[in-house]
Protein backbone atom coordinates (compact mmCIF):
# COMPACT_ATOMS: atom_id res chain seq x y z
CA MET A 1 98.17 -4.92 22.40
CA PRO A 2 98.13 -3.02 19.09
CA ALA A 3 101.35 -1.37 17.99
CA GLN A 4 101.46 2.34 17.29
CA PHE A 5 101.07 3.14 13.59
CA ILE A 6 104.19 4.49 11.84
CA ASP A 7 103.95 6.71 8.75
CA TYR A 8 106.84 5.38 6.68
CA TYR A 9 106.27 7.95 3.94
CA ALA A 10 106.72 10.74 6.47
CA THR A 11 109.83 9.03 7.83
CA LEU A 12 111.49 9.24 4.40
CA GLY A 13 109.88 12.58 3.53
CA VAL A 14 108.24 11.34 0.32
CA ALA A 15 104.73 11.46 -1.07
CA ARG A 16 102.50 8.39 -0.98
CA ASP A 17 102.75 8.11 -4.77
CA ALA A 18 106.54 8.39 -4.75
CA SER A 19 108.33 6.26 -7.33
CA ALA A 20 110.80 3.54 -6.42
CA ASP A 21 113.60 5.85 -7.55
CA ASP A 22 112.28 8.67 -5.33
CA ILE A 23 112.26 6.32 -2.33
CA LYS A 24 115.79 5.13 -3.08
CA LYS A 25 117.10 8.70 -3.36
CA ALA A 26 115.33 9.82 -0.17
CA PHE A 27 116.69 6.88 1.77
CA ARG A 28 120.26 7.43 0.60
CA LYS A 29 120.15 11.11 1.45
CA LEU A 30 118.82 10.53 4.97
CA ALA A 31 121.02 7.47 5.56
CA ARG A 32 124.16 9.49 4.81
CA GLN A 33 122.95 12.22 7.16
CA TYR A 34 122.14 9.90 10.07
CA HIS A 35 124.66 7.12 9.62
CA PRO A 36 126.16 6.55 13.11
CA ASP A 37 129.71 6.64 11.72
CA VAL A 38 129.37 10.28 10.61
CA ALA A 39 126.75 11.80 12.95
CA LYS A 40 127.87 13.82 15.97
CA ASP A 41 125.14 12.50 18.27
CA LYS A 42 125.66 8.79 17.62
CA LYS A 43 122.90 7.50 19.93
CA SER A 44 120.08 9.58 18.44
CA ALA A 45 121.49 9.06 14.96
CA GLU A 46 121.48 5.30 15.46
CA GLU A 47 117.78 5.34 16.34
CA LYS A 48 116.99 7.58 13.38
CA PHE A 49 119.04 5.33 11.11
CA LYS A 50 116.98 2.32 12.24
CA GLU A 51 113.74 4.20 11.54
CA ILE A 52 114.94 5.14 8.05
CA ASN A 53 116.01 1.57 7.37
CA GLU A 54 112.67 0.17 8.50
CA ALA A 55 110.75 2.60 6.29
CA ASN A 56 112.98 1.70 3.35
CA GLU A 57 112.57 -2.02 4.08
CA VAL A 58 108.80 -1.70 3.64
CA LEU A 59 108.49 0.94 0.92
CA SER A 60 111.24 -0.44 -1.33
CA ASP A 61 109.61 -3.88 -1.38
CA PRO A 62 106.57 -3.89 -3.74
CA GLU A 63 104.66 -6.55 -1.80
CA LYS A 64 105.32 -5.00 1.62
CA ARG A 65 104.39 -1.58 0.24
CA LYS A 66 101.06 -2.87 -1.07
CA LYS A 67 100.29 -4.42 2.29
CA TYR A 68 101.29 -1.21 4.08
CA ASP A 69 99.15 0.94 1.77
CA ARG A 70 96.12 -1.29 2.39
CA LEU A 71 96.69 -1.02 6.11
CA GLY A 72 97.18 2.75 5.98
CA ALA A 73 94.05 3.28 3.95
CA ARG A 74 91.85 2.12 6.83
CA TRP A 75 94.06 3.11 9.71
CA ARG A 76 92.64 6.58 10.38
CA GLU A 77 89.13 5.32 10.85
CA ALA A 78 90.29 2.34 12.91
CA GLU A 79 93.18 3.96 14.74
CA GLY A 80 94.18 2.08 17.86
CA THR A 81 92.81 -1.19 16.54
CA ALA A 82 95.31 -3.70 15.28
CA ALA A 83 94.68 -5.78 12.19
CA PRO A 84 94.29 -9.49 12.91
CA ARG A 85 97.68 -10.99 13.62
CA PRO A 86 98.52 -14.24 11.85
CA GLU A 87 98.56 -17.33 14.02
CA PRO A 88 102.12 -17.82 15.26
CA GLY A 89 102.57 -21.27 13.77
CA GLU A 90 100.82 -24.51 12.96
CA GLY A 91 101.03 -25.69 16.53
CA GLY A 92 98.43 -23.19 17.80
CA GLY A 93 97.77 -19.54 18.45
CA GLU A 94 97.49 -19.31 22.22
CA THR A 95 100.86 -17.60 22.68
CA GLU A 96 102.34 -14.61 20.91
CA PHE A 97 105.88 -13.25 21.04
CA HIS A 98 107.35 -9.75 20.88
CA PHE A 99 111.01 -8.95 20.41
CA GLY A 100 113.03 -6.04 21.72
CA GLY A 101 116.51 -5.05 20.63
CA THR A 102 116.22 -6.49 17.13
CA GLY A 103 116.35 -3.08 15.44
CA PHE A 104 112.72 -3.24 14.28
CA SER A 105 109.77 -1.41 15.81
CA ASP A 106 106.74 -3.13 17.38
CA PHE A 107 104.72 -1.98 14.36
CA PHE A 108 107.09 -3.69 11.92
CA GLU A 109 107.26 -6.80 14.06
CA GLN A 110 103.47 -7.04 14.16
CA TYR A 111 102.70 -6.48 10.49
CA PHE A 112 105.83 -7.23 8.47
CA SER A 113 108.02 -9.62 10.44
CA GLY A 114 107.10 -10.95 13.86
CA ALA A 115 108.14 -14.02 15.74
CA SER A 116 106.93 -17.31 14.36
CA ARG A 117 106.51 -20.48 16.34
CA PHE A 118 107.36 -23.77 14.73
CA GLY A 119 107.94 -26.91 16.44
CA PHE A 120 107.69 -30.02 18.18
CA ASP A 121 104.12 -30.77 19.15
CA ALA A 122 104.77 -34.44 18.42
CA ASP A 123 108.02 -34.49 20.37
CA GLU A 124 106.55 -35.92 23.54
CA VAL A 125 107.97 -38.15 26.25
CA HIS A 126 105.65 -40.47 28.18
CA GLY A 127 106.14 -40.09 31.91
CA ARG A 128 105.20 -42.45 34.69
CA GLN A 129 101.61 -43.48 35.09
CA GLY A 130 99.50 -40.57 36.26
CA GLN A 131 102.09 -37.96 35.43
CA PRO A 132 101.68 -35.51 32.56
CA ARG A 133 103.74 -36.19 29.47
CA ALA A 134 106.83 -34.06 28.96
CA ARG A 135 106.81 -31.99 25.81
CA ARG A 136 109.63 -29.95 24.30
CA GLY A 137 108.80 -26.31 23.71
CA SER A 138 108.50 -25.08 20.15
CA ASP A 139 111.28 -23.16 18.49
CA ILE A 140 110.78 -19.45 17.81
CA GLU A 141 112.13 -17.56 14.82
CA GLY A 142 112.45 -13.83 14.24
CA ASP A 143 114.54 -11.20 12.45
CA VAL A 144 117.41 -9.07 13.73
CA LEU A 145 118.60 -5.96 11.88
CA VAL A 146 122.39 -5.85 11.56
CA SER A 147 124.41 -3.07 9.96
CA LEU A 148 127.11 -3.99 7.45
CA GLU A 149 129.66 -2.60 9.87
CA GLU A 150 128.39 -4.97 12.57
CA ALA A 151 128.41 -7.83 10.08
CA MET A 152 132.02 -7.01 9.25
CA ALA A 153 133.35 -6.89 12.82
CA GLY A 154 130.76 -8.93 14.73
CA THR A 155 128.83 -7.62 17.70
CA VAL A 156 126.84 -8.59 20.79
CA ARG A 157 123.18 -7.59 20.77
CA PRO A 158 121.00 -7.40 23.92
CA ILE A 159 117.66 -9.02 23.06
CA SER A 160 114.42 -9.24 25.00
CA LEU A 161 111.67 -11.72 24.24
CA GLN A 162 108.20 -11.11 25.64
CA THR A 163 105.80 -14.03 25.76
CA VAL A 164 102.08 -13.21 26.03
CA ASP A 165 99.55 -15.90 26.98
CA ARG A 166 96.38 -14.97 25.14
CA ARG A 167 94.21 -17.08 27.42
CA THR A 168 95.30 -15.60 30.75
CA GLY A 169 96.90 -12.32 29.68
CA GLY A 170 100.06 -13.31 31.50
CA VAL A 171 103.30 -11.75 30.28
CA GLU A 172 106.81 -13.10 30.71
CA THR A 173 109.91 -11.20 29.58
CA ARG A 174 113.34 -12.73 29.16
CA ASN A 175 116.51 -10.72 28.54
CA PHE A 176 119.68 -12.19 27.11
CA GLN A 177 122.56 -11.37 24.79
CA VAL A 178 123.11 -12.74 21.31
CA ARG A 179 126.50 -12.79 19.60
CA ILE A 180 126.39 -11.81 15.94
CA PRO A 181 129.54 -13.38 14.49
CA ALA A 182 131.85 -11.50 12.13
CA GLY A 183 130.84 -12.26 8.57
CA ALA A 184 127.15 -12.90 9.33
CA THR A 185 125.49 -12.91 5.92
CA ASP A 186 121.99 -11.71 5.12
CA GLY A 187 119.52 -14.51 5.89
CA ARG A 188 121.85 -16.42 8.21
CA ARG A 189 120.05 -18.05 11.13
CA ILE A 190 121.66 -17.73 14.54
CA ARG A 191 120.60 -20.35 17.10
CA VAL A 192 120.15 -19.35 20.73
CA PRO A 193 119.68 -22.61 22.68
CA GLY A 194 116.91 -22.81 25.26
CA GLN A 195 115.39 -19.38 24.55
CA GLY A 196 112.37 -20.64 22.64
CA GLU A 197 108.97 -21.60 24.01
CA PRO A 198 109.12 -23.18 27.49
CA GLY A 199 108.56 -26.93 27.63
CA GLN A 200 105.57 -28.55 29.28
CA GLY A 201 105.44 -31.29 31.84
CA GLY A 202 109.13 -30.95 32.59
CA GLY A 203 110.16 -30.99 28.93
CA PRO A 204 113.05 -28.82 27.71
CA ALA A 205 112.57 -25.38 26.23
CA GLY A 206 112.78 -24.87 22.48
CA ASP A 207 115.42 -22.75 20.77
CA LEU A 208 115.37 -19.24 19.38
CA PHE A 209 116.52 -18.67 15.80
CA LEU A 210 117.28 -15.13 14.68
CA ARG A 211 117.52 -14.41 10.96
CA VAL A 212 120.13 -11.79 10.17
CA ARG A 213 118.80 -8.96 8.01
CA HIS A 214 121.43 -6.58 6.67
CA ALA A 215 120.43 -2.96 7.18
CA ALA A 216 120.36 -0.99 3.95
CA HIS A 217 123.50 1.14 3.58
CA PRO A 218 123.75 4.40 1.60
CA ASP A 219 126.89 3.23 -0.22
CA PHE A 220 127.03 -0.57 -0.15
CA THR A 221 124.89 -3.63 -0.72
CA SER A 222 125.70 -7.24 0.16
CA ARG A 223 125.46 -10.50 -1.75
CA ASP A 224 126.45 -13.41 0.46
CA SER A 225 129.99 -12.48 1.63
CA ASP A 226 130.59 -10.02 -1.21
CA ILE A 227 130.05 -6.26 -0.98
CA LEU A 228 128.95 -4.14 -3.94
CA HIS A 229 129.43 -0.41 -4.46
CA GLU A 230 128.12 1.80 -7.27
CA LEU A 231 130.77 4.28 -8.42
CA ASP A 232 129.81 7.35 -10.43
CA ILE A 233 132.41 8.42 -12.99
CA ALA A 234 132.58 11.29 -15.49
CA PRO A 235 132.42 10.63 -19.26
CA TRP A 236 136.08 11.56 -19.71
CA GLU A 237 137.08 9.16 -16.93
CA ALA A 238 135.19 6.41 -18.72
CA VAL A 239 136.96 7.16 -21.99
CA LEU A 240 140.46 7.97 -20.76
CA GLY A 241 140.60 5.93 -17.57
CA ALA A 242 141.30 7.31 -14.10
CA GLU A 243 142.59 6.56 -10.62
CA VAL A 244 140.02 7.16 -7.88
CA LEU A 245 139.64 6.52 -4.16
CA VAL A 246 136.79 4.12 -3.41
CA PRO A 247 135.30 3.69 0.09
CA THR A 248 135.03 0.20 1.56
CA LEU A 249 133.79 -1.02 4.94
CA ASP A 250 137.33 -0.98 6.32
CA GLY A 251 138.98 1.99 4.64
CA ALA A 252 139.35 3.48 1.18
CA VAL A 253 141.24 1.74 -1.62
CA ARG A 254 142.79 3.27 -4.74
CA LEU A 255 141.17 1.92 -7.88
CA ARG A 256 142.24 2.17 -11.50
CA VAL A 257 139.29 2.67 -13.83
CA PRO A 258 140.34 1.20 -17.18
CA ALA A 259 140.01 3.31 -20.32
CA HIS A 260 136.96 2.64 -22.50
CA SER A 261 134.78 1.61 -19.54
CA GLU A 262 131.02 1.53 -20.01
CA SER A 263 128.21 1.90 -17.50
CA GLY A 264 127.56 -1.38 -15.75
CA ARG A 265 131.15 -2.60 -15.98
CA LYS A 266 132.07 -4.48 -12.81
CA LEU A 267 135.52 -4.31 -11.23
CA ARG A 268 136.65 -6.58 -8.41
CA VAL A 269 138.93 -6.02 -5.43
CA ARG A 270 139.66 -9.41 -3.93
CA GLY A 271 139.40 -10.01 -0.21
CA ARG A 272 137.67 -6.76 0.82
CA GLY A 273 134.23 -8.23 1.47
CA LEU A 274 132.83 -9.80 4.63
CA PRO A 275 134.84 -12.38 6.59
CA LYS A 276 134.11 -15.99 5.73
CA GLY A 277 135.62 -19.24 6.86
CA PRO A 278 137.82 -20.01 9.87
CA ALA A 279 141.10 -19.31 8.06
CA GLY A 280 140.49 -15.58 7.69
CA GLU A 281 139.14 -15.70 4.14
CA ARG A 282 136.98 -12.82 3.00
CA GLY A 283 134.54 -12.19 0.23
CA ASP A 284 135.27 -9.75 -2.57
CA PHE A 285 134.44 -6.10 -3.11
CA PHE A 286 132.77 -5.28 -6.43
CA ILE A 287 132.60 -1.82 -7.96
CA VAL A 288 129.86 -1.21 -10.53
CA LEU A 289 130.67 1.75 -12.78
CA ASN A 290 127.98 4.28 -13.55
CA VAL A 291 128.86 6.90 -16.17
CA ARG A 292 127.18 10.17 -15.21
CA PHE A 293 126.60 13.26 -17.32
CA PRO A 294 126.17 16.83 -16.10
CA ALA A 295 122.58 18.00 -15.72
CA THR A 296 123.52 21.51 -16.89
CA ILE A 297 126.50 22.89 -18.79
CA THR A 298 127.94 26.35 -19.30
CA ALA A 299 128.34 28.02 -22.67
CA ALA A 300 132.06 27.25 -22.61
CA GLU A 301 131.40 23.58 -21.84
CA ARG A 302 128.85 23.38 -24.64
CA GLU A 303 131.42 24.75 -27.05
CA LEU A 304 133.91 22.08 -26.00
CA TRP A 305 131.32 19.29 -26.36
CA GLU A 306 130.49 20.59 -29.84
CA LYS A 307 134.17 20.58 -30.78
CA LEU A 308 134.46 17.01 -29.56
CA ARG A 309 131.39 16.04 -31.57
CA ASP A 310 132.82 17.56 -34.74
CA ALA A 311 136.31 16.14 -34.25
CA SER A 312 135.34 12.61 -33.21
CA ALA A 313 135.02 9.79 -35.71
CA PHE A 314 133.00 7.75 -33.23
CA ARG A 315 129.55 6.81 -34.56
CA PRO A 316 127.88 4.56 -31.98
CA ARG A 317 124.85 3.68 -34.13
CA ASP A 318 126.86 2.62 -37.18
CA ALA A 319 127.76 -0.69 -35.54
CA ARG A 320 124.41 -1.32 -33.87
CA GLU A 321 121.80 -0.27 -36.38
CA PRO A 322 121.40 -1.84 -39.83
CA ARG A 323 122.20 0.53 -42.68
CA SER A 324 119.20 1.65 -44.68
CA THR A 325 118.86 0.06 -48.11
CA ALA A 326 116.24 2.56 -49.23
CA PRO A 327 117.18 4.62 -52.32
C-alpha cells in the first residue's frame, strides 16, 4: 500500500531551491517553537517536532534530498502510486515490514529508511523423515528516532511491527515495548529477541534490531557520548573574556570564555555529555565559540567602532600577508 506523499519543503516552510543554510535556519526556528520541553500543548508539539525532524533528516542530507527531489518531480502525475520498493533483503522479497512508533512516517519508512530483512536462510535443521525442515526466521532491522533528552534519561517506546505477505495479502501486526537505555548513542543497535521474522517448520523466530537515530536538536548535536553546542559571543566578549550561562541537557552551567578567543575555539565541560559505562561515567560537553557581529549599527556605535579602529595597534594582515617588496 503506497504511503501518502509528504511535502518536506512545506513542512519547513522553505522554497524548493532553498540553500543548506536556509534549511538549517528554518529547522532551528521551528524546532525551538515546537520542542516538547517548551511547548504548552506537549502532545501536538511532539508530533510536529517529529515532522520537522523528518523533513530536516531528508533535506539536510544531499543524497536523500536528491532522491526526494527526483521522487517529487514525478509525484503529481503519478500520485497514489508508490515507487518500486527495494527488495527487503537477499533472502527474498515475499514479505515486507512496516513499523509504527519509531518516530518516522510511513512515507519516510518506505523511501528513506524501511525495515530490512537479513538472515538465516541457510540456518536449517533437518527434522524426521517426512517432516518439513525447521528454519530460523530472518532478523529484521529498522530505525527508531530518539530525542537527545530520551537518550540522556532512557525511555520505553511502544513499537508495532506489521508484516505483509505479498503473495496472499495477509497482514499480521505485533505490538511490544522496547527499552531505549540511558546513553544510547546515534547508530547503536538495540536487539529485541524473537520479534523478527517468524520461523518455518517449527524453527525459532528471528530477532529485531533497531538502530538509534538521534533526532536533530535546535541547540545540541551528538558525537558518540559527547554533546556539542554552538555558542554565539559578541566581539568584545571574544577580546575581553566573559562569564556566560550555557544550556546543557540537564541544566545550565556557568562558563568562562577566555580572553582572546577566536571563532571555532572549542571549550570542554567534562562529564556533562550522555551516560556511558556501568560506573556512571558520562561523555563531555563541548562548546564551540562563534564570534558574531551586529548586522546593523547606530551612528553612536559607528563612532565608537571608528575610535577603536583609530586607537588600536592591531593589524591582522601584517602577520599573515607577506610585505610587498615593490618600490
